Amino acid sequence: MDMWAYHHQVRIDFSRPGKPTDNGHVETFNGSLRDECLNVHWFESLAEAKAIVEAWRRDYNEVRPHSALMDLAPAEFVRQARVWRPIEGLVNAEN
């Protein structure tokens, strides 16, 4: 992973050990994934695991409302944000 990051000019930054509050959004997502998907399924194959996790991911991003996003699903939040706040590159290109 270090080699890949170096070649792609990606800086790896880890949370401090024992400090889950350093990245609360990721910790919340990890907890939701574990509680709602991984802990409730017994995967019998890698293909089954991929299918079930993908279905959960789609629901999480495209259907399920998130209180931090004004009770919108992330995909809908992004669609609405693009209507009200044009992408920066497009705004600069028009000037």
C-alpha atoms as a PDB file:
ATOM      1  CA  MET A   1       0.000   0.000   0.000  1.00  0.00           C
ATOM      2  CA  ASP A   2       2.850   2.376   0.787  1.00  0.00           C
ATOM      3  CA  MET A   3       4.315   1.807  -2.680  1.00  0.00           C
ATOM      4  CA  TRP A   4       0.949   2.430  -4.367  1.00  0.00           C
ATOM      5  CA  ALA A   5       0.457   5.630  -2.347  1.00  0.00           C
ATOM      6  CA  TYR A   6       3.952   6.836  -3.234  1.00  0.00           C
ATOM      7  CA  HIS A   7       3.459   6.221  -6.965  1.00  0.00           C
ATOM      8  CA  HIS A   8       0.058   7.926  -6.951  1.00  0.00           C
ATOM      9  CA  GLN A   9       1.230  10.818  -4.762  1.00  0.00           C
ATOM     10  CA  VAL A  10      -1.240   9.937  -2.006  1.00  0.00           C
ATOM     11  CA  ARG A  11      -0.433  10.866   1.573  1.00  0.00           C
ATOM     12  CA  ILE A  12      -1.535   8.182   4.050  1.00  0.00           C
ATOM     13  CA  ASP A  13      -2.803   9.586   7.319  1.00  0.00           C
ATOM     14  CA  PHE A  14      -3.883   7.266  10.115  1.00  0.00           C
ATOM     15  CA  SER A  15      -6.057   8.127  13.097  1.00  0.00           C
ATOM     16  CA  ARG A  16      -4.251   8.056  16.408  1.00  0.00           C
ATOM     17  CA  PRO A  17      -4.565   4.671  18.149  1.00  0.00           C
ATOM     18  CA  GLY A  18      -7.441   4.681  20.625  1.00  0.00           C
ATOM     19  CA  LYS A  19      -8.859   7.967  19.284  1.00  0.00           C
ATOM     20  CA  PRO A  20     -11.945   7.081  17.216  1.00  0.00           C
ATOM     21  CA  THR A  21     -13.157  10.673  17.535  1.00  0.00           C
ATOM     22  CA  ASP A  22     -10.379  11.729  15.139  1.00  0.00           C
ATOM     23  CA  ASN A  23     -12.619  10.526  12.302  1.00  0.00           C
ATOM     24  CA  GLY A  24     -16.152  10.283  13.623  1.00  0.00           C
ATOM     25  CA  HIS A  25     -17.799  10.038  10.192  1.00  0.00           C
ATOM     26  CA  VAL A  26     -15.817   6.931   9.278  1.00  0.00           C
ATOM     27  CA  GLU A  27     -16.382   5.376  12.697  1.00  0.00           C
ATOM     28  CA  THR A  28     -20.140   5.956  12.364  1.00  0.00           C
ATOM     29  CA  PHE A  29     -20.139   4.378   8.906  1.00  0.00           C
ATOM     30  CA  ASN A  30     -18.098   1.399  10.113  1.00  0.00           C
ATOM     31  CA  GLY A  31     -20.518   0.866  13.011  1.00  0.00           C
ATOM     32  CA  SER A  32     -23.538   1.018  10.705  1.00  0.00           C
ATOM     33  CA  LEU A  33     -21.969  -1.419   8.238  1.00  0.00           C
ATOM     34  CA  ARG A  34     -21.102  -3.845  11.019  1.00  0.00           C
ATOM     35  CA  ASP A  35     -24.446  -3.613  12.886  1.00  0.00           C
ATOM     36  CA  GLU A  36     -26.767  -3.561   9.880  1.00  0.00           C
ATOM     37  CA  CYS A  37     -24.971  -5.816   7.420  1.00  0.00           C
ATOM     38  CA  LEU A  38     -21.979  -7.818   8.581  1.00  0.00           C
ATOM     39  CA  ASN A  39     -23.392  -8.960  11.935  1.00  0.00           C
ATOM     40  CA  VAL A  40     -26.751 -10.033  10.508  1.00  0.00           C
ATOM     41  CA  HIS A  41     -25.544 -12.211   7.624  1.00  0.00           C
ATOM     42  CA  TRP A  42     -23.661 -15.477   7.467  1.00  0.00           C
ATOM     43  CA  PHE A  43     -21.806 -15.351   4.162  1.00  0.00           C
ATOM     44  CA  GLU A  44     -21.321 -18.711   2.487  1.00  0.00           C
ATOM     45  CA  SER A  45     -19.181 -17.442  -0.377  1.00  0.00           C
ATOM     46  CA  LEU A  46     -17.250 -14.397  -1.470  1.00  0.00           C
ATOM     47  CA  ALA A  47     -19.787 -13.798  -4.254  1.00  0.00           C
ATOM     48  CA  GLU A  48     -22.638 -13.810  -1.746  1.00  0.00           C
ATOM     49  CA  ALA A  49     -20.752 -11.419   0.539  1.00  0.00           C
ATOM     50  CA  LYS A  50     -20.109  -9.034  -2.361  1.00  0.00           C
ATOM     51  CA  ALA A  51     -23.775  -9.088  -3.405  1.00  0.00           C
ATOM     52  CA  ILE A  52     -25.118  -8.497   0.106  1.00  0.00           C
ATOM     53  CA  VAL A  53     -22.631  -5.727   0.923  1.00  0.00           C
ATOM     54  CA  GLU A  54     -23.328  -4.061  -2.445  1.00  0.00           C
ATOM     55  CA  ALA A  55     -27.083  -4.135  -1.781  1.00  0.00           C
ATOM     56  CA  TRP A  56     -26.496  -2.586   1.652  1.00  0.00           C
ATOM     57  CA  ARG A  57     -24.196   0.074   0.154  1.00  0.00           C
ATOM     58  CA  ARG A  58     -26.761   1.036  -2.465  1.00  0.00           C
ATOM     59  CA  ASP A  59     -29.494   1.323   0.158  1.00  0.00           C
ATOM     60  CA  TYR A  60     -27.191   3.354   2.442  1.00  0.00           C
ATOM     61  CA  ASN A  61     -26.225   5.794  -0.324  1.00  0.00           C
ATOM     62  CA  GLU A  62     -29.319   5.947  -2.521  1.00  0.00           C
ATOM     63  CA  VAL A  63     -32.383   5.262  -0.374  1.00  0.00           C
ATOM     64  CA  ARG A  64     -31.790   5.680   3.326  1.00  0.00           C
ATOM     65  CA  PRO A  65     -32.199   9.172   4.794  1.00  0.00           C
ATOM     66  CA  HIS A  66     -29.334  10.545   6.876  1.00  0.00           C
ATOM     67  CA  SER A  67     -30.086  13.044   9.627  1.00  0.00           C
ATOM     68  CA  ALA A  68     -26.797  14.866   8.970  1.00  0.00           C
ATOM     69  CA  LEU A  69     -27.971  15.476   5.375  1.00  0.00           C
ATOM     70  CA  MET A  70     -31.330  17.062   6.204  1.00  0.00           C
ATOM     71  CA  ASP A  71     -32.950  13.599   6.164  1.00  0.00           C
ATOM     72  CA  LEU A  72     -31.989  13.013   2.538  1.00  0.00           C
ATOM     73  CA  ALA A  73     -30.161  10.015   1.119  1.00  0.00           C
ATOM     74  CA  PRO A  74     -26.578  10.935   0.162  1.00  0.00           C
ATOM     75  CA  ALA A  75     -27.286  10.590  -3.576  1.00  0.00           C
ATOM     76  CA  GLU A  76     -30.283  12.938  -3.333  1.00  0.00           C
ATOM     77  CA  PHE A  77     -28.308  15.391  -1.198  1.00  0.00           C
ATOM     78  CA  VAL A  78     -25.599  15.561  -3.887  1.00  0.00           C
ATOM     79  CA  ARG A  79     -28.201  16.024  -6.648  1.00  0.00           C
ATOM     80  CA  GLN A  80     -29.794  18.911  -4.768  1.00  0.00           C
ATOM     81  CA  ALA A  81     -26.444  20.473  -3.861  1.00  0.00           C
ATOM     82  CA  ARG A  82     -25.448  20.563  -7.546  1.00  0.00           C
ATOM     83  CA  VAL A  83     -28.624  22.438  -8.419  1.00  0.00           C
ATOM     84  CA  TRP A  84     -28.060  25.103  -5.775  1.00  0.00           C
ATOM     85  CA  ARG A  85     -24.272  25.294  -5.789  1.00  0.00           C
ATOM     86  CA  PRO A  86     -22.655  24.808  -9.208  1.00  0.00           C
ATOM     87  CA  ILE A  87     -19.410  22.899  -9.338  1.00  0.00           C
ATOM     88  CA  GLU A  88     -16.499  25.298  -8.772  1.00  0.00           C
ATOM     89  CA  GLY A  89     -14.755  24.451 -12.043  1.00  0.00           C
ATOM     90  CA  LEU A  90     -17.873  25.341 -14.030  1.00  0.00           C
ATOM     91  CA  VAL A  91     -18.292  28.647 -12.206  1.00  0.00           C
ATOM     92  CA  ASN A  92     -14.675  29.624 -12.897  1.00  0.00           C
ATOM     93  CA  ALA A  93     -14.952  28.596 -16.554  1.00  0.00           C
ATOM     94  CA  GLU A  94     -17.864  30.998 -17.074  1.00  0.00           C
ATOM     95  CA  ASN A  95     -15.989  34.047 -15.678  1.00  0.00           C
END
